[in-house]
Protein backbone atom coordinates (compact mmCIF):
# COMPACT_ATOMS: atom_id res chain seq x y z
CA MET A 1 -0.14 0.02 -0.02
CA ASP A 2 2.78 2.28 0.58
CA ARG A 3 3.79 2.22 -3.12
CA LEU A 4 0.17 3.74 -3.79
CA LEU A 5 0.25 6.77 -1.51
CA GLU A 6 0.11 8.88 -4.52
CA LEU A 7 -2.92 7.27 -6.24
CA LYS A 8 -5.19 9.54 -7.56
CA TYR A 9 -8.00 7.42 -9.27
CA LEU A 10 -8.86 3.73 -8.66
CA TYR A 11 -10.99 1.60 -10.70
CA VAL A 12 -12.23 -1.69 -8.82
CA ASN A 13 -15.82 -2.26 -10.34
CA ASN A 14 -16.88 -5.82 -11.13
CA ASN A 15 -14.82 -7.74 -8.75
CA GLN A 16 -17.14 -9.29 -5.93
CA LEU A 17 -15.68 -7.17 -3.16
CA GLY A 18 -17.28 -7.77 0.01
CA SER A 19 -15.58 -5.15 1.82
CA ILE A 20 -13.12 -2.07 1.54
CA PRO A 21 -9.89 -2.59 3.29
CA ASN A 22 -9.32 0.09 5.86
CA LYS A 23 -5.80 0.91 4.56
CA LEU A 24 -7.78 1.98 1.14
CA CYS A 25 -8.66 5.06 3.52
CA LEU A 26 -4.87 6.17 3.93
CA LEU A 27 -4.70 7.20 0.36
CA GLN A 28 -5.08 10.88 0.76
CA HIS A 29 -4.52 11.97 -2.65
CA LEU A 30 -7.27 9.66 -4.24
CA CYS A 31 -10.02 12.01 -6.06
CA GLU A 32 -11.86 9.01 -7.73
CA LEU A 33 -13.07 5.83 -6.26
CA HIS A 34 -15.06 3.51 -8.10
CA LEU A 35 -16.63 0.06 -6.75
CA ALA A 36 -19.44 -0.43 -8.87
CA ASN A 37 -20.89 -3.91 -9.09
CA ASN A 38 -19.44 -5.66 -6.15
CA ASN A 39 -21.05 -7.04 -2.98
CA LEU A 40 -20.50 -4.26 -0.60
CA LYS A 41 -22.49 -3.94 2.41
CA LEU A 42 -21.24 -1.22 4.34
CA LEU A 43 -18.39 1.64 4.05
CA PRO A 44 -15.64 2.05 6.53
CA HIS A 45 -15.97 4.88 9.06
CA ASP A 46 -12.48 5.59 8.09
CA ILE A 47 -13.91 6.79 4.60
CA GLY A 48 -13.50 9.96 6.01
CA TYR A 49 -10.03 10.46 5.79
CA LEU A 50 -10.33 10.64 1.94
CA THR A 51 -10.76 14.37 2.07
CA ASN A 52 -9.41 14.82 -1.44
CA LEU A 53 -12.15 12.62 -2.88
CA LYS A 54 -14.30 14.11 -5.60
CA LYS A 55 -16.15 11.13 -6.91
CA LEU A 56 -17.17 8.04 -4.94
CA SER A 57 -19.01 5.66 -7.28
CA LEU A 58 -21.14 3.03 -5.42
CA PRO A 59 -23.79 1.63 -7.78
CA ARG A 60 -25.26 -1.97 -7.47
CA ASN A 61 -23.88 -3.03 -4.55
CA GLN A 62 -25.68 -4.15 -0.89
CA ILE A 63 -25.05 -0.93 1.08
CA GLU A 64 -27.92 -0.40 3.32
CA GLU A 65 -26.74 2.54 5.41
CA LEU A 66 -23.97 5.54 4.68
CA PRO A 67 -21.94 6.64 7.36
CA GLU A 68 -21.93 10.01 8.82
CA GLU A 69 -18.31 10.16 7.98
CA LEU A 70 -19.17 11.04 4.39
CA CYS A 71 -20.06 14.39 5.75
CA LYS A 72 -16.06 14.92 6.26
CA LEU A 73 -15.56 14.61 2.42
CA CYS A 74 -15.93 18.28 1.73
CA ASN A 75 -14.74 17.71 -1.81
CA LEU A 76 -16.97 15.64 -2.85
CA LYS A 77 -18.88 16.88 -6.06
CA VAL A 78 -20.31 13.31 -7.09
CA LEU A 79 -21.62 10.28 -5.04
CA ASP A 80 -23.46 7.39 -6.93
CA VAL A 81 -25.25 5.20 -4.78
CA ALA A 82 -27.91 4.10 -7.35
CA GLY A 83 -28.97 0.27 -7.40
CA ASN A 84 -28.43 -0.27 -3.56
CA LEU A 85 -30.72 -1.35 -0.60
CA LEU A 86 -30.25 2.00 1.15
CA THR A 87 -32.89 2.89 4.00
CA ILE A 88 -30.80 5.79 5.56
CA PHE A 89 -29.73 8.34 3.17
CA PRO A 90 -28.61 11.42 5.14
CA THR A 91 -28.55 13.77 1.88
CA LYS A 92 -30.10 16.30 4.06
CA GLU A 93 -27.60 16.31 6.71
CA ILE A 94 -24.60 16.13 4.50
CA THR A 95 -26.33 19.48 2.27
CA ALA A 96 -27.12 21.62 5.57
CA ARG A 97 -23.91 20.83 7.04
CA TYR A 98 -22.13 21.64 3.92
CA ILE A 99 -24.35 24.75 3.70
CA MET A 100 -23.80 25.97 7.60
CA ASP A 101 -19.98 25.27 7.18
CA GLU A 102 -19.76 27.68 3.94
CA MET A 103 -22.36 30.34 5.06
CA THR A 104 -22.92 32.89 7.60
CA SER A 105 -26.05 33.35 8.92
CA ASN A 106 -26.56 36.59 7.44
CA THR A 107 -26.03 35.09 4.33
CA ILE A 108 -28.15 31.93 5.02
CA ASN A 109 -31.25 34.64 5.78
CA SER A 110 -30.59 36.67 2.47
CA ILE A 111 -30.21 33.55 0.38
CA PHE A 112 -33.05 31.67 1.97
CA LYS A 113 -35.76 34.70 2.50
CA HIS A 114 -37.76 33.42 -0.07
CA TYR A 115 -37.78 29.50 1.00
CA SER A 116 -39.07 29.83 4.60
CA GLU A 117 -39.07 26.06 4.77
CA VAL A 118 -35.45 25.39 4.15
CA LYS A 119 -34.34 28.89 6.31
CA LYS A 120 -36.57 26.89 9.38
CA ILE A 121 -34.89 24.04 8.94
CA LEU A 122 -31.33 25.63 8.95
CA GLU A 123 -32.73 27.82 12.02
CA ASN A 124 -33.26 24.76 13.98
CA ALA A 125 -29.46 23.64 13.64
CA SER A 126 -27.43 22.46 16.77
CA LYS A 127 -23.86 23.31 17.21
CA CYS A 128 -21.05 20.49 18.08
CA ALA A 129 -19.67 21.11 21.67
CA VAL A 130 -16.47 19.40 20.75
CA CYS A 131 -15.91 21.26 17.16
CA GLY A 132 -18.34 24.13 16.93
CA LYS A 133 -19.54 22.98 13.40
CA SER A 134 -23.42 23.14 12.78
CA PHE A 135 -25.92 19.77 12.24
CA LEU A 136 -29.36 19.09 12.19
CA ASN A 137 -29.69 15.67 13.32
CA THR A 138 -29.08 14.84 16.90
CA TRP A 139 -25.76 12.20 16.66
CA LEU A 140 -24.91 11.89 20.43
CA GLU A 141 -26.79 13.76 23.33
CA CYS A 142 -23.96 14.14 26.05
CA VAL A 143 -23.87 15.79 29.12
CA THR A 144 -20.89 17.64 31.22
CA PHE A 145 -20.73 18.42 34.68
CA VAL A 146 -19.99 22.33 35.99
CA ASP A 147 -18.77 22.99 39.12
CA LEU A 148 -20.65 26.15 40.19
CA THR A 149 -18.43 27.06 43.17
CA ARG A 150 -16.01 27.95 40.34
CA LYS A 151 -18.48 29.98 38.60
CA ILE A 152 -20.76 32.09 40.81
CA ARG A 153 -20.69 32.26 44.76
CA MET A 154 -23.08 30.37 46.38
CA THR A 155 -24.61 28.54 49.61
CA SER A 156 -26.50 25.77 48.03
CA PRO A 157 -25.87 22.48 48.76
CA ALA A 158 -25.50 21.59 45.18
CA ARG A 159 -22.30 22.30 43.42
CA VAL A 160 -21.91 20.45 40.53
CA ILE A 161 -24.73 20.01 38.26
CA PRO A 162 -25.28 18.29 35.05
CA VAL A 163 -25.36 20.39 31.40
CA ARG A 164 -26.93 19.04 28.30
CA ALA A 165 -24.62 19.22 25.09
CA PHE A 166 -24.72 17.61 21.54
CA LEU A 167 -22.27 16.60 19.41
CA CYS A 168 -21.69 15.79 15.65
CA SER A 169 -20.40 12.90 15.55
CA TYR A 170 -18.61 9.91 17.35
CA GLY A 171 -15.25 11.07 15.93
CA CYS A 172 -16.02 13.99 18.15
CA PHE A 173 -16.91 11.90 21.10
CA ASN A 174 -14.02 9.94 20.72
CA LYS A 175 -11.41 13.04 20.65
CA PRO A 176 -9.37 13.56 23.77
CA GLY A 177 -9.67 16.46 25.94
CA HIS A 178 -13.17 17.21 26.40
CA HIS A 179 -15.33 16.48 29.39
CA TYR A 180 -18.57 14.88 27.78
CA TYR A 181 -20.30 12.00 28.40
CA GLY A 182 -22.65 9.98 26.47
CA ILE A 183 -26.36 9.40 27.80
CA ALA A 184 -27.45 5.81 27.32
CA THR A 185 -30.91 5.41 26.67
CA PRO A 186 -33.26 2.23 26.42
């Protein structure tokens, strides 16, 4: 794989592949990845490391769900997933994240003033407590504990309180250095 680090185009169509090796996601210069007519059921979460990817062609596989890490592919222009078994397709989330990352709230208001439904959707976005980026769907609800004695002078016996926070991805949740704890729900 070391000899392929400069690879820009990879065509692996019609090979009966059942999975994509994680090492493939180390090809940082890859611009196009073609995996049509295979037996892929899922994409690796490491796909988000292919940040130079402009075209991802996955038609006629067995993919049921796309990973949230596709949102990290900021140069992606073409995503072909025709003929798969998709039940969850995060296009609304991907589109909204792109718009919110690229535009300020003033720009969003002026561009979408005639599209009140789109504006309303974007206004309901949350900000990730770790990276600060906007997102629509609650990916991970967390809690952090705030020591009130450091913030205000008080005489109450309650010195530490839980504060609710949202994170945009498991990538942010797994980053070191923050004090957010996942909330388990039944």
